[in-house]
Amino acid sequence: MRVLFTILSFSFSLIIAQVYCAGDQISLSDQNIEYIVAQNAGNEEYSSGDIFKLSDLNGDLNGGKYHVIFIDMSETW
């Protein structure tokens, strides 16, 4: 049973391997994924229920208004 669990855990970790590493640029297809803004997002440009895309922050695509973004994704076990 322990061996089966180890094999399944290892296989699952390969399936969900990370796509981006530190310093990578986000692809245009990933930048164009639409997200619904949550309530109390803390941003003056977006209201609850608005659509947000990372491409909104890309100056090449939004009319020249460039932004630097920091995405912090962490998880505790």
C-alpha atoms as a PDB file:
ATOM      1  CA  MET A   1       0.000   0.000   0.000  1.00  0.00           C
ATOM      2  CA  ARG A   2       2.829   2.382   0.857  1.00  0.00           C
ATOM      3  CA  VAL A   3       4.531   1.660  -2.486  1.00  0.00           C
ATOM      4  CA  LEU A   4       1.302   2.331  -4.364  1.00  0.00           C
ATOM      5  CA  PHE A   5       0.859   5.631  -2.529  1.00  0.00           C
ATOM      6  CA  THR A   6       4.445   6.637  -3.339  1.00  0.00           C
ATOM      7  CA  ILE A   7       4.030   5.808  -7.020  1.00  0.00           C
ATOM      8  CA  LEU A   8       0.726   7.684  -7.248  1.00  0.00           C
ATOM      9  CA  SER A   9       2.159  10.702  -5.437  1.00  0.00           C
ATOM     10  CA  PHE A  10       5.171  10.821  -7.740  1.00  0.00           C
ATOM     11  CA  SER A  11       2.992  10.444 -10.847  1.00  0.00           C
ATOM     12  CA  PHE A  12       0.643  13.183  -9.676  1.00  0.00           C
ATOM     13  CA  SER A  13       3.530  15.559  -8.996  1.00  0.00           C
ATOM     14  CA  LEU A  14       4.743  15.099 -12.585  1.00  0.00           C
ATOM     15  CA  ILE A  15       1.302  15.890 -13.962  1.00  0.00           C
ATOM     16  CA  ILE A  16       1.009  19.198 -12.095  1.00  0.00           C
ATOM     17  CA  ALA A  17       4.601  20.370 -12.582  1.00  0.00           C
ATOM     18  CA  GLN A  18       5.100  24.114 -12.639  1.00  0.00           C
ATOM     19  CA  VAL A  19       5.107  25.850 -15.998  1.00  0.00           C
ATOM     20  CA  TYR A  20       6.818  29.108 -15.061  1.00  0.00           C
ATOM     21  CA  CYS A  21       9.989  29.779 -13.075  1.00  0.00           C
ATOM     22  CA  ALA A  22      11.400  32.988 -11.601  1.00  0.00           C
ATOM     23  CA  GLY A  23      12.126  35.542 -14.315  1.00  0.00           C
ATOM     24  CA  ASP A  24       9.971  33.931 -17.005  1.00  0.00           C
ATOM     25  CA  GLN A  25       7.659  36.006 -19.171  1.00  0.00           C
ATOM     26  CA  ILE A  26       3.993  35.054 -19.228  1.00  0.00           C
ATOM     27  CA  SER A  27       2.868  33.869 -22.670  1.00  0.00           C
ATOM     28  CA  LEU A  28       0.269  35.882 -24.596  1.00  0.00           C
ATOM     29  CA  SER A  29      -2.211  33.010 -24.443  1.00  0.00           C
ATOM     30  CA  ASP A  30      -1.916  32.941 -20.634  1.00  0.00           C
ATOM     31  CA  GLN A  31      -2.118  36.756 -20.491  1.00  0.00           C
ATOM     32  CA  ASN A  32      -5.467  36.647 -22.309  1.00  0.00           C
ATOM     33  CA  ILE A  33      -7.187  34.310 -19.841  1.00  0.00           C
ATOM     34  CA  GLU A  34     -10.148  36.173 -18.346  1.00  0.00           C
ATOM     35  CA  TYR A  35     -10.786  36.298 -14.597  1.00  0.00           C
ATOM     36  CA  ILE A  36     -13.792  37.738 -12.793  1.00  0.00           C
ATOM     37  CA  VAL A  37     -12.809  40.389 -10.238  1.00  0.00           C
ATOM     38  CA  ALA A  38     -13.830  39.442  -6.699  1.00  0.00           C
ATOM     39  CA  GLN A  39     -15.624  41.730  -4.298  1.00  0.00           C
ATOM     40  CA  ASN A  40     -13.306  44.096  -2.365  1.00  0.00           C
ATOM     41  CA  ALA A  41     -10.466  43.589  -4.839  1.00  0.00           C
ATOM     42  CA  GLY A  42      -8.784  46.777  -3.614  1.00  0.00           C
ATOM     43  CA  ASN A  43      -8.243  48.252  -7.067  1.00  0.00           C
ATOM     44  CA  GLU A  44      -9.751  51.509  -8.288  1.00  0.00           C
ATOM     45  CA  GLU A  45      -9.778  50.427 -11.948  1.00  0.00           C
ATOM     46  CA  TYR A  46     -11.913  47.312 -11.438  1.00  0.00           C
ATOM     47  CA  SER A  47     -15.221  46.729  -9.698  1.00  0.00           C
ATOM     48  CA  SER A  48     -16.707  43.494  -8.442  1.00  0.00           C
ATOM     49  CA  GLY A  49     -17.755  41.331 -11.391  1.00  0.00           C
ATOM     50  CA  ASP A  50     -15.511  43.071 -13.957  1.00  0.00           C
ATOM     51  CA  ILE A  51     -13.293  41.002 -16.243  1.00  0.00           C
ATOM     52  CA  PHE A  52      -9.532  41.180 -15.606  1.00  0.00           C
ATOM     53  CA  LYS A  53      -6.767  39.857 -17.859  1.00  0.00           C
ATOM     54  CA  LEU A  54      -3.014  40.098 -17.331  1.00  0.00           C
ATOM     55  CA  SER A  55      -2.831  41.573 -20.837  1.00  0.00           C
ATOM     56  CA  ASP A  56      -4.574  44.657 -19.363  1.00  0.00           C
ATOM     57  CA  LEU A  57      -1.196  45.392 -17.731  1.00  0.00           C
ATOM     58  CA  ASN A  58       0.884  44.811 -20.895  1.00  0.00           C
ATOM     59  CA  GLY A  59       1.795  48.141 -22.500  1.00  0.00           C
ATOM     60  CA  ASP A  60       2.256  46.518 -25.922  1.00  0.00           C
ATOM     61  CA  LEU A  61      -1.415  45.510 -25.846  1.00  0.00           C
ATOM     62  CA  ASN A  62      -3.149  48.214 -23.794  1.00  0.00           C
ATOM     63  CA  GLY A  63      -2.078  51.383 -25.574  1.00  0.00           C
ATOM     64  CA  GLY A  64       1.287  52.035 -23.940  1.00  0.00           C
ATOM     65  CA  LYS A  65       0.514  51.919 -20.213  1.00  0.00           C
ATOM     66  CA  TYR A  66       3.220  49.568 -18.905  1.00  0.00           C
ATOM     67  CA  HIS A  67       3.162  47.878 -15.493  1.00  0.00           C
ATOM     68  CA  VAL A  68       5.567  45.709 -13.537  1.00  0.00           C
ATOM     69  CA  ILE A  69       3.764  42.948 -11.667  1.00  0.00           C
ATOM     70  CA  PHE A  70       4.880  40.607  -8.922  1.00  0.00           C
ATOM     71  CA  ILE A  71       2.947  37.371  -8.582  1.00  0.00           C
ATOM     72  CA  ASP A  72       3.449  35.664  -5.237  1.00  0.00           C
ATOM     73  CA  MET A  73       2.036  32.180  -5.126  1.00  0.00           C
ATOM     74  CA  SER A  74       2.698  30.186  -1.998  1.00  0.00           C
ATOM     75  CA  GLU A  75       1.144  27.218  -0.330  1.00  0.00           C
ATOM     76  CA  THR A  76       1.442  25.663   3.090  1.00  0.00           C
ATOM     77  CA  TRP A  77       0.969  22.032   3.834  1.00  0.00           C
END
